[in-house]
Protein backbone atom coordinates (compact mmCIF):
# COMPACT_ATOMS: atom_id res chain seq x y z
CA UNK A 1 35.71 23.24 -6.41
CA UNK A 2 34.17 24.69 -9.80
CA UNK A 3 32.11 27.35 -9.89
CA UNK A 4 28.36 25.26 -8.74
CA UNK A 5 25.39 24.96 -10.89
CA UNK A 6 21.85 23.78 -11.79
CA UNK A 7 20.84 22.69 -15.01
CA UNK A 8 17.15 22.72 -15.84
CA UNK A 9 16.21 21.85 -19.67
CA UNK A 10 16.75 20.01 -22.98
CA UNK A 11 19.86 18.78 -23.92
CA UNK A 12 21.46 22.02 -25.38
CA UNK A 13 22.44 23.91 -21.79
CA UNK A 14 23.71 20.23 -20.76
CA UNK A 15 25.67 19.94 -23.87
CA UNK A 16 27.35 23.21 -24.00
CA UNK A 17 29.00 22.73 -21.04
CA UNK A 18 31.55 19.80 -22.32
CA UNK A 19 32.88 22.60 -24.20
CA UNK A 20 34.20 25.07 -20.79
CA UNK A 21 37.26 24.90 -19.18
CA UNK A 22 37.59 21.67 -17.22
CA UNK A 23 36.59 21.55 -13.66
CA UNK A 24 35.54 25.05 -14.56
CA UNK A 25 31.87 24.08 -13.53
CA UNK A 26 30.48 21.48 -10.82
CA UNK A 27 26.67 20.42 -12.25
CA UNK A 28 25.45 19.68 -8.44
CA UNK A 29 21.67 19.12 -10.38
CA UNK A 30 21.33 18.16 -13.97
CA UNK A 31 17.50 18.26 -14.85
CA UNK A 32 15.92 17.76 -18.73
CA UNK A 33 12.30 15.83 -19.90
CA UNK A 34 9.92 18.00 -17.34
CA UNK A 35 8.35 21.46 -18.65
CA UNK A 36 7.66 24.15 -15.91
CA UNK A 37 4.05 23.56 -17.56
CA UNK A 38 3.58 20.04 -16.11
CA UNK A 39 5.53 21.42 -12.72
CA UNK A 40 1.86 22.28 -10.75
CA UNK A 41 0.80 18.62 -10.90
CA UNK A 42 0.29 15.85 -8.26
CA UNK A 43 3.59 13.60 -7.14
CA UNK A 44 2.87 10.04 -6.97
CA UNK A 45 5.57 7.27 -6.18
CA UNK A 46 5.62 4.47 -7.70
CA UNK A 47 8.20 1.61 -7.81
CA UNK A 48 11.27 1.35 -9.33
CA UNK A 49 10.53 -1.54 -11.45
CA UNK A 50 7.66 1.22 -13.15
CA UNK A 51 10.95 2.82 -14.94
CA UNK A 52 13.00 -0.02 -15.67
CA UNK A 53 12.76 0.83 -19.92
CA UNK A 54 15.49 -0.03 -22.26
CA UNK A 55 17.07 3.67 -21.73
CA UNK A 56 19.92 5.57 -20.23
CA UNK A 57 19.71 5.88 -16.40
CA UNK A 58 19.45 9.97 -17.00
CA UNK A 59 16.14 9.04 -19.31
CA UNK A 60 14.36 6.18 -16.42
CA UNK A 61 15.41 9.46 -13.61
CA UNK A 62 14.01 11.66 -15.44
CA UNK A 63 10.65 9.68 -15.77
CA UNK A 64 10.42 8.93 -12.41
CA UNK A 65 10.98 12.47 -12.16
CA UNK A 66 7.73 13.11 -14.09
CA UNK A 67 5.99 11.64 -11.19
CA UNK A 68 7.41 12.13 -8.09
CA UNK A 69 7.23 16.09 -9.12
CA UNK A 70 10.35 17.61 -6.82
CA UNK A 71 11.99 18.86 -9.28
CA UNK A 72 12.13 22.23 -7.95
CA UNK A 73 12.75 20.44 -4.59
CA UNK A 74 16.09 19.42 -5.95
CA UNK A 75 17.11 22.44 -7.88
CA UNK A 76 16.63 24.90 -4.16
CA UNK A 77 18.16 22.09 -2.02
CA UNK A 78 21.55 22.23 -4.28
CA UNK A 79 22.13 25.59 -2.97
CA UNK A 80 24.21 26.33 -6.49
CA UNK A 81 26.00 29.14 -7.82
CA UNK A 82 24.15 29.91 -10.28
CA UNK A 83 20.58 28.58 -12.50
CA UNK A 84 20.85 27.69 -15.66
CA UNK A 85 17.51 27.20 -17.60
CA UNK A 86 15.81 26.70 -21.00
CA UNK A 87 12.18 26.55 -21.40
CA UNK A 88 12.88 23.80 -25.09
CA UNK A 89 11.16 21.24 -23.73
CA UNK A 90 8.02 22.67 -23.46
CA UNK A 91 7.77 22.01 -27.55
CA UNK A 92 7.30 18.06 -26.58
CA UNK A 93 3.21 16.24 -25.87
CA UNK A 94 2.43 16.19 -22.58
CA UNK A 95 -0.03 13.81 -20.97
CA UNK A 96 -2.27 14.35 -18.14
CA UNK A 97 -2.97 11.03 -15.81
CA UNK A 98 -5.91 10.99 -14.01
CA UNK A 99 -6.08 8.80 -10.30
CA UNK A 100 -8.36 9.07 -7.15
CA UNK A 101 -8.61 13.01 -7.71
CA UNK A 102 -5.43 13.73 -8.94
CA UNK A 103 -3.59 14.77 -11.89
CA UNK A 104 -0.42 13.99 -12.35
CA UNK A 105 1.11 15.65 -15.80
CA UNK A 106 3.96 13.99 -17.60
CA UNK A 107 5.52 14.91 -20.73
CA UNK A 108 6.67 12.41 -24.08
CA UNK A 109 10.26 12.03 -25.47
CA UNK A 110 11.90 9.14 -27.29
CA UNK A 111 13.86 7.29 -25.72
CA UNK A 112 14.93 4.58 -28.30
CA UNK A 113 14.99 3.57 -31.84
CA UNK A 114 11.52 1.39 -31.71
CA UNK A 115 9.33 4.62 -30.25
CA UNK A 116 8.40 7.11 -27.47
CA UNK A 117 8.30 5.81 -24.00
CA UNK A 118 5.07 7.00 -23.43
CA UNK A 119 2.95 3.56 -25.14
CA UNK A 120 5.00 1.99 -22.45
CA UNK A 121 4.26 3.42 -19.12
CA UNK A 122 0.77 3.32 -20.59
CA UNK A 123 0.83 -0.18 -20.08
CA UNK A 124 2.81 -0.37 -16.68
CA UNK A 125 -0.42 2.23 -15.34
CA UNK A 126 -3.21 0.77 -16.99
CA UNK A 127 -3.02 -1.74 -18.97
CA UNK A 128 -3.95 -5.12 -18.06
CA UNK A 129 -2.04 -5.28 -15.02
CA UNK A 130 -1.32 -1.90 -14.48
CA UNK A 131 -0.82 -0.97 -11.43
CA UNK A 132 -3.12 2.82 -11.35
CA UNK A 133 -5.86 0.52 -13.22
CA UNK A 134 -9.31 2.88 -13.20
CA UNK A 135 -6.31 5.61 -14.00
CA UNK A 136 -7.56 8.30 -16.29
CA UNK A 137 -4.77 9.85 -19.62
CA UNK A 138 -5.83 12.63 -21.86
CA UNK A 139 -2.94 14.05 -24.64
CA UNK A 140 -2.12 17.45 -25.10
CA UNK A 141 -0.66 17.72 -28.49
CA UNK A 142 2.56 19.50 -29.01
CA UNK A 143 1.85 23.15 -29.04
CA UNK A 144 -1.34 23.46 -27.51
CA UNK A 145 -0.83 23.78 -24.09
CA UNK A 146 -3.16 27.11 -23.16
CA UNK A 147 -0.93 30.11 -22.77
CA UNK A 148 -3.23 30.70 -20.17
CA UNK A 149 -2.19 27.85 -18.44
CA UNK A 150 1.84 28.47 -18.96
CA UNK A 151 1.10 31.63 -17.88
CA UNK A 152 0.04 30.21 -14.63
CA UNK A 153 2.20 27.54 -14.02
CA UNK A 154 5.56 29.88 -14.51
CA UNK A 155 3.70 32.50 -12.24
CA UNK A 156 4.40 29.56 -9.52
CA UNK A 157 7.64 28.75 -11.34
CA UNK A 158 8.75 31.55 -10.56
CA UNK A 159 7.99 32.31 -6.81
CA UNK A 160 9.19 28.67 -5.96
CA UNK A 161 12.90 29.49 -7.11
CA UNK A 162 13.19 32.91 -6.86
CA UNK A 163 15.19 34.30 -3.33
CA UNK A 164 13.03 36.12 -0.58
CA UNK A 165 12.50 36.42 3.17
CA UNK A 166 10.01 33.17 2.91
CA UNK A 167 12.49 31.46 0.47
CA UNK A 168 15.61 31.84 1.32
CA UNK A 169 17.49 28.96 -0.66
CA UNK A 170 15.55 30.14 -3.72
CA UNK A 171 18.05 31.96 -6.83
CA UNK A 172 18.43 35.85 -6.45
CA UNK A 173 17.93 36.93 -10.24
CA UNK A 174 21.69 38.01 -11.26
CA UNK A 175 22.39 33.87 -9.89
CA UNK A 176 19.36 32.98 -13.22
CA UNK A 177 21.30 32.78 -17.17
CA UNK A 178 18.64 31.73 -19.46
CA UNK A 179 19.91 29.91 -22.61
CA UNK A 180 17.60 30.63 -25.52
CA UNK A 181 17.21 27.43 -27.07
CA UNK A 182 15.43 27.91 -30.45
CA UNK A 183 15.11 24.87 -33.61
CA UNK A 184 17.70 25.93 -36.13
CA UNK A 185 16.14 25.89 -39.98
CA UNK A 186 18.64 24.83 -41.57
CA UNK A 187 21.79 22.19 -41.43
CA UNK A 188 24.72 22.11 -43.52
CA UNK A 189 25.08 18.61 -45.30
CA UNK A 190 27.66 16.40 -46.09
CA UNK A 191 27.96 18.36 -49.19
CA UNK A 192 28.87 21.80 -48.11
CA UNK A 193 25.01 22.89 -48.93
CA UNK A 194 22.65 24.51 -46.14
CA UNK A 195 18.64 22.42 -45.87
CA UNK A 196 16.02 22.61 -44.65
CA UNK A 197 15.36 20.28 -41.79
CA UNK A 198 12.62 18.09 -42.87
CA UNK A 199 8.85 19.42 -42.14
CA UNK A 200 7.79 16.58 -38.92
CA UNK A 201 10.52 18.97 -36.80
CA UNK A 202 7.29 21.26 -36.91
CA UNK A 203 10.45 23.86 -36.71
CA UNK A 204 8.70 27.59 -37.59
CA UNK A 205 5.53 26.80 -35.71
CA UNK A 206 6.99 25.95 -32.65
CA UNK A 207 9.65 28.52 -32.61
CA UNK A 208 6.62 30.59 -32.88
CA UNK A 209 5.40 28.88 -29.31
CA UNK A 210 8.41 29.02 -27.57
CA UNK A 211 9.05 32.72 -28.52
CA UNK A 212 6.47 34.10 -25.73
CA UNK A 213 7.74 32.28 -23.22
CA UNK A 214 11.06 33.62 -23.40
CA UNK A 215 9.44 36.42 -23.14
CA UNK A 216 7.46 35.53 -19.77
CA UNK A 217 9.89 34.42 -18.01
CA UNK A 218 12.12 37.86 -18.87
CA UNK A 219 8.89 39.74 -17.94
CA UNK A 220 8.59 38.10 -14.04
CA UNK A 221 12.24 38.04 -14.08
CA UNK A 222 13.80 41.33 -15.82
CA UNK A 223 17.15 41.45 -14.16
CA UNK A 224 18.27 37.60 -15.24
CA UNK A 225 20.52 36.90 -17.57
CA UNK A 226 20.16 35.99 -20.80
CA UNK A 227 21.95 34.09 -23.79
CA UNK A 228 20.65 34.97 -27.14
CA UNK A 229 20.27 32.69 -29.59
CA UNK A 230 21.93 33.61 -32.71
CA UNK A 231 20.86 34.60 -36.29
CA UNK A 232 21.38 32.53 -38.63
CA UNK A 233 22.00 29.04 -36.29
CA UNK A 234 22.13 25.82 -38.33
CA UNK A 235 21.90 22.29 -37.43
CA UNK A 236 25.33 19.97 -36.95
CA UNK A 237 24.75 16.88 -39.11
CA UNK A 238 27.74 15.41 -37.58
CA UNK A 239 26.74 15.89 -34.32
CA UNK A 240 27.93 13.41 -31.43
CA UNK A 241 24.00 12.90 -30.59
CA UNK A 242 23.15 12.67 -34.02
CA UNK A 243 21.39 15.82 -36.40
CA UNK A 244 18.61 17.57 -34.68
CA UNK A 245 16.99 21.31 -35.14
CA UNK A 246 18.50 21.66 -31.67
CA UNK A 247 21.90 20.47 -32.33
CA UNK A 248 24.36 22.86 -33.28
CA UNK A 249 27.58 23.67 -34.68
CA UNK A 250 30.52 24.00 -32.21
CA UNK A 251 30.69 27.66 -32.78
CA UNK A 252 27.06 27.75 -31.20
CA UNK A 253 27.89 25.94 -28.33
CA UNK A 254 30.83 27.91 -27.77
CA UNK A 255 29.68 30.95 -27.80
CA UNK A 256 27.16 29.84 -25.18
CA UNK A 257 29.99 28.47 -23.43
CA UNK A 258 31.93 31.70 -23.52
CA UNK A 259 28.98 33.71 -22.73
CA UNK A 260 28.36 31.94 -19.62
CA UNK A 261 32.28 32.57 -18.75
CA UNK A 262 31.45 36.56 -19.08
CA UNK A 263 28.70 35.73 -16.75
CA UNK A 264 30.33 33.82 -14.09
CA UNK A 265 33.53 36.16 -13.95
CA UNK A 266 35.81 33.23 -15.42
CA UNK A 267 36.17 35.21 -18.35
CA UNK A 268 37.97 38.51 -18.41
CA UNK A 269 37.43 39.60 -21.64
CA UNK A 270 35.67 43.27 -22.00
CA UNK A 271 32.30 42.28 -24.08
CA UNK A 272 29.10 41.24 -23.14
CA UNK A 273 26.75 38.34 -23.97
CA UNK A 274 24.88 41.15 -26.01
CA UNK A 275 27.60 41.52 -28.26
CA UNK A 276 29.17 38.04 -29.00
CA UNK A 277 25.74 37.56 -29.72
CA UNK A 278 25.49 40.06 -32.32
CA UNK A 279 29.21 38.40 -33.33
CA UNK A 280 28.07 35.33 -33.20
CA UNK A 281 25.09 36.28 -36.12
CA UNK A 282 27.75 37.83 -38.25
CA UNK A 283 29.49 34.43 -38.03
CA UNK A 284 26.74 32.76 -39.05
CA UNK A 285 25.61 34.52 -41.56
CA UNK A 286 28.90 35.09 -43.16
CA UNK A 287 28.93 30.57 -43.26
CA UNK A 288 25.38 30.57 -44.62
CA UNK A 289 26.55 33.31 -47.09
CA UNK A 290 29.73 31.38 -48.21
CA UNK A 291 27.28 27.76 -47.79
CA UNK A 292 25.32 29.21 -50.35
CA UNK A 293 27.16 30.66 -53.16
CA UNK A 294 29.08 28.72 -56.17
CA UNK A 295 32.52 27.77 -54.93
CA UNK A 296 35.21 29.21 -56.72
CA UNK A 297 36.64 25.21 -57.92
CA UNK A 298 33.07 24.38 -58.91
CA UNK A 299 33.55 23.90 -62.81
CA UNK A 300 30.96 22.40 -64.17
CA UNK A 301 29.01 25.76 -63.77
CA UNK A 302 31.67 28.34 -65.75
CA UNK A 303 31.91 25.70 -68.35
CA UNK A 304 28.18 26.16 -69.13
CA UNK A 305 28.65 29.84 -68.65
CA UNK A 306 31.44 29.52 -71.09
CA UNK A 307 29.41 27.60 -73.28
CA UNK A 308 26.44 30.28 -73.49
CA UNK A 309 29.07 32.70 -74.01
CA UNK A 310 30.63 31.12 -77.19
CA UNK A 311 26.95 29.99 -78.24
CA UNK A 312 26.50 34.19 -78.42
CA UNK A 313 29.59 35.31 -79.98
CA UNK A 314 28.76 32.71 -82.58
CA UNK A 315 24.47 34.11 -82.71
CA UNK A 316 26.49 37.27 -83.14
CA UNK A 317 29.03 36.84 -85.25
CA UNK A 318 26.14 35.30 -88.20
CA UNK A 319 24.25 38.51 -87.90
CA UNK A 320 27.16 40.29 -88.36
CA UNK A 321 27.89 38.41 -91.68
CA UNK A 322 24.57 38.68 -92.61
CA UNK A 323 24.62 42.49 -92.61
CA UNK A 324 28.08 42.75 -94.29
CA UNK A 325 26.96 40.60 -96.82
CA UNK A 326 23.70 43.28 -97.25
CA UNK A 327 26.11 45.89 -96.91
CA UNK A 328 28.28 44.33 -99.45
CA UNK A 329 25.11 43.98 -101.73
CA UNK A 330 23.97 47.37 -101.60
CA UNK A 331 27.44 48.29 -102.36
CA UNK A 332 27.44 46.80 -105.36
CA UNK A 333 24.28 48.15 -106.62
CA UNK A 334 25.66 51.57 -106.29
CA UNK A 335 28.50 51.04 -108.13
CA UNK A 336 26.55 49.63 -110.69
CA UNK A 337 23.95 52.80 -110.23
CA UNK A 338 27.48 55.20 -110.76
CA UNK A 339 28.53 53.11 -114.05
CA UNK A 340 24.89 53.87 -115.22
CA UNK A 341 24.84 57.60 -114.75
CA UNK A 342 28.78 57.76 -116.12
CA UNK A 343 27.59 55.94 -119.79
CA UNK A 344 24.83 58.73 -119.39
CA UNK A 345 27.11 61.41 -119.55
């Protein structure tokens, strides 16, 4: 039996586990698509047919979770050795469904190549033949959830998951591991060059929105373990789930996996997650410098520089030749003058 872990967060928090030693960790519960800021809403039981969209079984279950609102209950009932979290799902749009005086907080996410799932859910709920014909739906655009709301929901979330006399199934702070999952600013393209992600991802704005959320959790649980986001991290063009600012290079996933092994005691490597973070940041920086540099084998730029140097040398030779011609002419005049003076004497 491996070390039991509960995983609650975006794709990063589950993707990196593929880089750990086989059978070292047993995933008791894997939850995503449910930001902490949506967990304080009401719950509603809907028929399973409501969630039969053309998507993966995991996505279908997570869509149902948004209405059942039992994520915290599942995390506590698992009684795992560690709870692994990230908060990057907060970056996505949300909706509030109001029905008979209750409010259900749900989030939007891409479900297939044709578009997002929410129009399908809306049709099933409040359409002409919907389950909740009088329900109202209001949208909360991405990155606009008020910080005060986030603060309140995170306070409640922390109280719900922390171990106490009244919450014996909760997690002690040293059992909680936070993986900082920010959006990578750039990606290494197939030509070996770094390029920025498309503006549609709103990388800078999203990271600026997420940062105070992570800092808030660290204030609430100051002794939790933190696996920091390495500086200069860039995306992976050939990621198994395609390119995305949250789809990192293999080196970053290995760094996260090693840091987890150190925290859980599986790796006796004489280091700390903090030192690993600094090391990975330096390696990322070096990789970016190499990608941005002109390769030694790139002949075309060198040829252009040689041609420019040859042109400059040719120009200088022309100048020197003209100067020499001027000197020769002056020397002729001097000789003529000297001969004239000799004749006079």
